[in-house]
Amino acid sequence: MEQTVAGGEFVAKTLSSILTSTDAASVVHSTDLVVEAIVEDLKVKNELFKRLDKFAAEHTIFASNTSSLQITSIANATTRQDRFAGLHFFNPVPMMKLVEVIKTPMTSQKTFESLMDFSKALGKHPISCKDTPGFVVNHLLLPFLMNAIQLYERGDASKEDIDIGLKLGAGHPMGPFELLDYVGLDTIKFIIEGWHEMDPQNPYFQPSESLNKLVAEKKFGKKTGEGFYKYK
């Protein structure tokens, strides 16, 4: 009961500090930092930042929370490439301490240091990375997840045994198929398809029959009640 009350107070206090608006352009003129976290679509992100760039103050830093798109490609839609970087948080954000700060070749050192300081002020642990596909975590995680799918598709092991093996043998809190369902199979498919276009010869970026089938059937994982596993 006490935890419930404390949680409610935390939510109420947090919301009281937040102002909302459906007109992004009207609020960025007095903003020091803009962090974008919209759909993973380069065209949509570019359109948003191109519009915001017209209204934001000269000193305003732009950052994208993208987990898979190239930061440079997003920054190119603006006139402030030196004040543009990646700021990738991890879900669930209140619990996950890590933040990836992505520095493009055009990102100024001042911008980079400001985002590192901002992340620390939030109580996060920032790490830095160049503008490479998937940055640090997803660059390593996505091939791992796709390798698990390939192992399953070849019939080498069941998805249940693969998950148990990684949890009990490698100390992972979730098995790869549990994690795939948690992240969202539609999201995984979107990322892999984009990386496959950039590096079609990479064996870990190849299309997956089982993944494509589940996404086509709108079985995206936990958020839809079914993915590789079924959820009540």
Protein backbone atom coordinates (compact mmCIF):
# COMPACT_ATOMS: atom_id res chain seq x y z
CA MET A 1 0.00 0.00 0.00
CA GLU A 2 2.82 2.39 0.92
CA GLN A 3 4.60 1.66 -2.37
CA THR A 4 1.39 2.38 -4.29
CA VAL A 5 0.96 5.74 -2.54
CA ALA A 6 4.63 6.64 -3.07
CA GLY A 7 4.35 5.69 -6.74
CA GLY A 8 1.27 7.84 -7.17
CA GLU A 9 2.99 10.80 -5.52
CA PHE A 10 6.01 10.39 -7.78
CA VAL A 11 3.82 10.36 -10.90
CA ALA A 12 1.84 13.39 -9.73
CA LYS A 13 5.00 15.36 -8.92
CA THR A 14 6.57 14.45 -12.26
CA LEU A 15 3.51 15.40 -14.28
CA SER A 16 3.25 18.73 -12.46
CA SER A 17 6.68 19.63 -13.86
CA ILE A 18 5.73 18.85 -17.46
CA LEU A 19 4.05 21.20 -19.91
CA THR A 20 2.52 19.61 -23.00
CA SER A 21 1.70 20.98 -26.42
CA THR A 22 0.58 19.60 -29.76
CA ASP A 23 2.36 22.43 -31.58
CA ALA A 24 6.05 21.57 -31.30
CA ALA A 25 7.19 24.56 -33.35
CA SER A 26 5.60 27.00 -30.90
CA VAL A 27 7.54 25.75 -27.87
CA VAL A 28 11.07 25.20 -29.17
CA HIS A 29 11.93 28.90 -29.41
CA SER A 30 12.80 28.96 -25.68
CA THR A 31 14.16 25.42 -25.39
CA ASP A 32 17.78 24.50 -24.68
CA LEU A 33 17.44 20.87 -25.75
CA VAL A 34 15.04 19.04 -28.07
CA VAL A 35 14.94 15.23 -27.77
CA GLU A 36 12.95 13.53 -30.52
CA ALA A 37 11.35 10.14 -29.84
CA ILE A 38 8.86 9.63 -32.67
CA VAL A 39 8.37 6.76 -35.14
CA GLU A 40 11.52 5.13 -36.57
CA ASP A 41 11.06 6.60 -40.04
CA LEU A 42 13.85 8.74 -41.48
CA LYS A 43 11.54 10.79 -43.68
CA VAL A 44 9.20 11.62 -40.80
CA LYS A 45 12.09 12.53 -38.50
CA ASN A 46 13.68 14.73 -41.17
CA GLU A 47 10.41 16.56 -41.75
CA LEU A 48 10.02 17.23 -38.02
CA PHE A 49 13.56 18.48 -37.48
CA LYS A 50 13.47 20.60 -40.63
CA ARG A 51 10.39 22.36 -39.27
CA LEU A 52 11.75 22.73 -35.73
CA ASP A 53 15.04 24.08 -37.06
CA LYS A 54 13.22 27.17 -38.34
CA PHE A 55 11.82 28.06 -34.91
CA ALA A 56 14.46 26.89 -32.41
CA ALA A 57 16.95 29.31 -30.88
CA GLU A 58 20.46 29.43 -32.26
CA HIS A 59 21.92 27.70 -29.19
CA THR A 60 19.32 24.90 -29.02
CA ILE A 61 20.72 21.38 -29.21
CA PHE A 62 18.81 18.77 -31.20
CA ALA A 63 19.03 15.08 -30.29
CA SER A 64 17.37 11.95 -31.60
CA ASN A 65 16.42 8.94 -29.48
CA THR A 66 16.56 6.65 -32.53
CA SER A 67 17.81 3.15 -31.84
CA SER A 68 18.67 2.18 -35.41
CA LEU A 69 18.81 5.10 -37.85
CA GLN A 70 21.99 6.98 -38.71
CA ILE A 71 22.21 10.21 -36.72
CA THR A 72 24.04 11.98 -39.55
CA SER A 73 21.15 11.26 -41.93
CA ILE A 74 18.71 12.86 -39.48
CA ALA A 75 20.96 15.83 -38.71
CA ASN A 76 21.37 16.62 -42.41
CA ALA A 77 17.78 17.90 -42.45
CA THR A 78 18.86 20.83 -40.25
CA THR A 79 21.29 23.74 -40.38
CA ARG A 80 22.79 22.82 -36.99
CA GLN A 81 24.77 19.64 -37.57
CA ASP A 82 27.30 20.81 -34.97
CA ARG A 83 24.49 21.01 -32.39
CA PHE A 84 22.99 17.64 -33.26
CA ALA A 85 23.70 14.24 -31.70
CA GLY A 86 22.11 10.96 -30.69
CA LEU A 87 20.71 10.53 -27.18
CA HIS A 88 19.48 6.96 -26.94
CA PHE A 89 17.61 5.92 -23.79
CA PHE A 90 16.61 2.34 -22.98
CA ASN A 91 13.21 0.96 -21.98
CA PRO A 92 11.86 1.09 -19.39
CA VAL A 93 13.52 4.50 -19.08
CA PRO A 94 12.83 5.03 -15.33
CA MET A 95 14.63 1.77 -14.54
CA MET A 96 17.40 1.54 -17.14
CA LYS A 97 20.50 3.55 -16.20
CA LEU A 98 22.21 3.53 -19.59
CA VAL A 99 22.16 6.33 -22.16
CA GLU A 100 24.15 6.21 -25.40
CA VAL A 101 25.45 9.60 -26.54
CA ILE A 102 26.18 9.45 -30.26
CA LYS A 103 28.67 11.88 -31.74
CA THR A 104 28.66 12.37 -35.51
CA PRO A 105 31.68 13.78 -37.38
CA MET A 106 29.91 17.17 -37.29
CA THR A 107 28.88 17.17 -33.61
CA SER A 108 30.84 19.78 -31.68
CA GLN A 109 32.71 18.85 -28.53
CA LYS A 110 30.62 21.39 -26.62
CA THR A 111 27.40 19.69 -27.74
CA PHE A 112 28.76 16.26 -26.87
CA GLU A 113 29.86 17.36 -23.39
CA SER A 114 26.53 19.10 -22.77
CA LEU A 115 24.63 15.88 -23.52
CA MET A 116 26.97 13.82 -21.35
CA ASP A 117 26.40 16.28 -18.47
CA PHE A 118 22.64 16.30 -19.10
CA SER A 119 22.52 12.50 -18.94
CA LYS A 120 24.45 12.45 -15.67
CA ALA A 121 22.12 15.10 -14.22
CA LEU A 122 19.24 12.70 -14.91
CA GLY A 123 20.99 10.06 -12.83
CA LYS A 124 21.92 8.04 -15.91
CA HIS A 125 25.21 6.45 -16.90
CA PRO A 126 26.15 7.78 -20.35
CA ILE A 127 28.50 6.04 -22.75
CA SER A 128 29.77 7.48 -26.01
CA CYS A 129 29.82 5.97 -29.47
CA LYS A 130 30.44 7.04 -33.05
CA ASP A 131 27.57 7.07 -35.54
CA THR A 132 27.73 3.36 -36.34
CA PRO A 133 24.61 1.22 -37.02
CA GLY A 134 22.92 0.33 -33.73
CA PHE A 135 25.56 2.25 -31.74
CA VAL A 136 26.96 -0.01 -28.98
CA VAL A 137 24.12 -2.06 -27.51
CA ASN A 138 21.95 -2.75 -30.55
CA HIS A 139 25.01 -3.25 -32.76
CA LEU A 140 25.80 -6.26 -30.57
CA LEU A 141 22.25 -7.21 -29.52
CA LEU A 142 20.49 -7.43 -32.90
CA PRO A 143 22.94 -9.95 -34.44
CA PHE A 144 22.63 -11.99 -31.23
CA LEU A 145 18.83 -12.02 -31.51
CA MET A 146 18.87 -12.86 -35.22
CA ASN A 147 21.37 -15.66 -34.57
CA ALA A 148 18.92 -17.10 -32.03
CA ILE A 149 16.13 -17.00 -34.64
CA GLN A 150 18.37 -18.72 -37.19
CA LEU A 151 19.26 -21.42 -34.64
CA TYR A 152 15.53 -22.00 -34.07
CA GLU A 153 14.64 -21.94 -37.79
CA ARG A 154 17.28 -24.57 -38.57
CA GLY A 155 15.67 -26.83 -35.98
CA ASP A 156 18.83 -26.99 -33.89
CA ALA A 157 16.95 -26.14 -30.68
CA SER A 158 13.50 -25.07 -29.55
CA LYS A 159 12.89 -21.44 -28.66
CA GLU A 160 12.13 -22.54 -25.10
CA ASP A 161 15.47 -24.33 -24.73
CA ILE A 162 17.35 -21.43 -26.33
CA ASP A 163 15.80 -19.05 -23.80
CA ILE A 164 16.50 -21.36 -20.87
CA GLY A 165 20.06 -21.88 -22.07
CA LEU A 166 20.85 -18.17 -22.16
CA LYS A 167 19.18 -17.49 -18.81
CA LEU A 168 20.73 -20.36 -16.88
CA GLY A 169 23.97 -20.67 -18.81
CA ALA A 170 24.85 -17.04 -19.50
CA GLY A 171 22.99 -15.27 -16.71
CA HIS A 172 20.69 -13.30 -19.01
CA PRO A 173 17.54 -11.98 -17.28
CA MET A 174 15.51 -12.76 -20.41
CA GLY A 175 16.03 -15.27 -23.19
CA PRO A 176 16.38 -13.97 -26.77
CA PHE A 177 12.82 -14.93 -27.77
CA GLU A 178 11.39 -13.38 -24.63
CA LEU A 179 13.37 -10.24 -25.42
CA LEU A 180 12.24 -10.23 -29.05
CA ASP A 181 8.61 -10.34 -27.94
CA TYR A 182 9.26 -7.62 -25.35
CA VAL A 183 10.91 -5.24 -27.83
CA GLY A 184 8.32 -5.90 -30.54
CA LEU A 185 8.76 -8.10 -33.59
CA ASP A 186 7.64 -5.30 -35.91
CA THR A 187 10.40 -3.09 -34.53
CA ILE A 188 13.01 -5.83 -34.91
CA LYS A 189 11.93 -6.50 -38.50
CA PHE A 190 12.07 -2.79 -39.36
CA ILE A 191 15.59 -2.42 -37.97
CA ILE A 192 16.95 -5.56 -39.62
CA GLU A 193 15.50 -4.60 -43.01
CA GLY A 194 17.21 -1.22 -42.79
CA TRP A 195 20.53 -2.76 -41.84
CA HIS A 196 20.16 -5.38 -44.58
CA GLU A 197 19.92 -2.59 -47.14
CA MET A 198 23.16 -1.09 -45.83
CA ASP A 199 25.01 -4.41 -45.53
CA PRO A 200 23.22 -7.10 -47.62
CA GLN A 201 26.05 -9.63 -47.23
CA ASN A 202 25.98 -9.67 -43.43
CA PRO A 203 24.66 -13.11 -42.40
CA TYR A 204 22.95 -11.71 -39.29
CA PHE A 205 20.96 -9.13 -41.26
CA GLN A 206 19.23 -11.63 -43.54
CA PRO A 207 15.40 -11.80 -43.69
CA SER A 208 13.79 -14.30 -41.32
CA GLU A 209 10.86 -16.41 -42.51
CA SER A 210 9.41 -16.92 -39.03
CA LEU A 211 9.83 -13.25 -38.09
CA ASN A 212 8.24 -12.06 -41.33
CA LYS A 213 5.33 -14.49 -40.90
CA LEU A 214 4.56 -13.35 -37.35
CA VAL A 215 4.70 -9.67 -38.31
CA ALA A 216 2.46 -10.28 -41.34
CA GLU A 217 -0.05 -11.88 -38.97
CA LYS A 218 0.15 -8.80 -36.68
CA LYS A 219 1.68 -10.91 -33.92
CA PHE A 220 4.20 -8.37 -32.64
CA GLY A 221 4.88 -9.87 -29.21
CA LYS A 222 3.69 -8.87 -25.75
CA LYS A 223 1.98 -5.69 -26.95
CA THR A 224 -0.41 -7.69 -29.15
CA GLY A 225 -0.71 -10.73 -26.89
CA GLU A 226 1.23 -13.07 -29.16
CA GLY A 227 4.61 -13.27 -30.84
CA PHE A 228 7.01 -16.16 -30.56
CA TYR A 229 5.06 -16.88 -27.36
CA LYS A 230 1.42 -16.39 -26.41
CA TYR A 231 0.51 -14.03 -23.56
CA LYS A 232 -2.72 -13.93 -21.56
